[in-house]
Amino acid sequence: MVIDIELTLNRFGFGKISENKFQLFFLRFSKWKIAGKYSISFEINWRAKE
């Protein structure tokens, strides 16, 4: 199982986003069932003004 933790600097929310994603304030948690792979990753994402 792969777990992604994402820090979103421009988005704020609480609740389920999709089948495998959940948002808690500025953090998004994702779970992926990938056979034979185990990892935890962390990302920082933001949007730049154009």
Protein backbone atom coordinates (compact mmCIF):
# COMPACT_ATOMS: atom_id res chain seq x y z
CA MET A 1 0.00 0.00 0.00
CA VAL A 2 1.24 3.46 -0.90
CA ILE A 3 0.28 6.42 1.31
CA ASP A 4 0.70 10.00 0.05
CA ILE A 5 0.56 12.99 2.42
CA GLU A 6 0.19 16.32 0.64
CA LEU A 7 0.47 19.81 2.15
CA THR A 8 -1.76 22.16 0.13
CA LEU A 9 -0.95 25.80 0.81
CA ASN A 10 -3.79 27.30 -1.28
CA ARG A 11 -6.62 24.89 -0.46
CA PHE A 12 -8.49 24.35 2.78
CA GLY A 13 -11.12 21.73 3.48
CA PHE A 14 -12.45 18.83 5.48
CA GLY A 15 -13.87 15.58 4.17
CA LYS A 16 -13.62 12.93 1.53
CA ILE A 17 -12.52 14.19 -1.90
CA SER A 18 -12.65 10.90 -3.81
CA GLU A 19 -12.65 7.17 -3.15
CA ASN A 20 -9.02 7.17 -1.99
CA LYS A 21 -8.45 10.83 -0.90
CA PHE A 22 -9.33 12.63 2.31
CA GLN A 23 -8.57 16.25 3.21
CA LEU A 24 -8.06 17.55 6.75
CA PHE A 25 -7.46 21.33 6.80
CA PHE A 26 -4.29 21.84 4.68
CA LEU A 27 -3.35 18.13 4.52
CA ARG A 28 -4.54 15.62 1.92
CA PHE A 29 -4.11 11.91 2.53
CA SER A 30 -4.23 9.38 -0.33
CA LYS A 31 -4.08 5.58 -0.24
CA TRP A 32 -3.18 3.50 -3.29
CA LYS A 33 -3.37 -0.30 -3.40
CA ILE A 34 -0.34 -1.24 -5.49
CA ALA A 35 0.66 -4.89 -5.23
CA GLY A 36 4.17 -5.46 -3.90
CA LYS A 37 4.88 -1.78 -3.20
CA TYR A 38 4.98 -0.11 0.22
CA SER A 39 5.85 3.53 0.70
CA ILE A 40 4.91 6.77 2.40
CA SER A 41 5.56 10.00 0.54
CA PHE A 42 5.14 13.68 1.40
CA GLU A 43 4.49 16.52 -1.06
CA ILE A 44 4.18 20.30 -0.78
CA ASN A 45 1.96 21.92 -3.44
CA TRP A 46 0.95 25.51 -4.10
CA ARG A 47 -0.32 27.65 -6.94
CA ALA A 48 1.54 30.67 -8.23
CA LYS A 49 -0.39 33.75 -9.33
CA GLU A 50 -0.11 34.32 -13.06
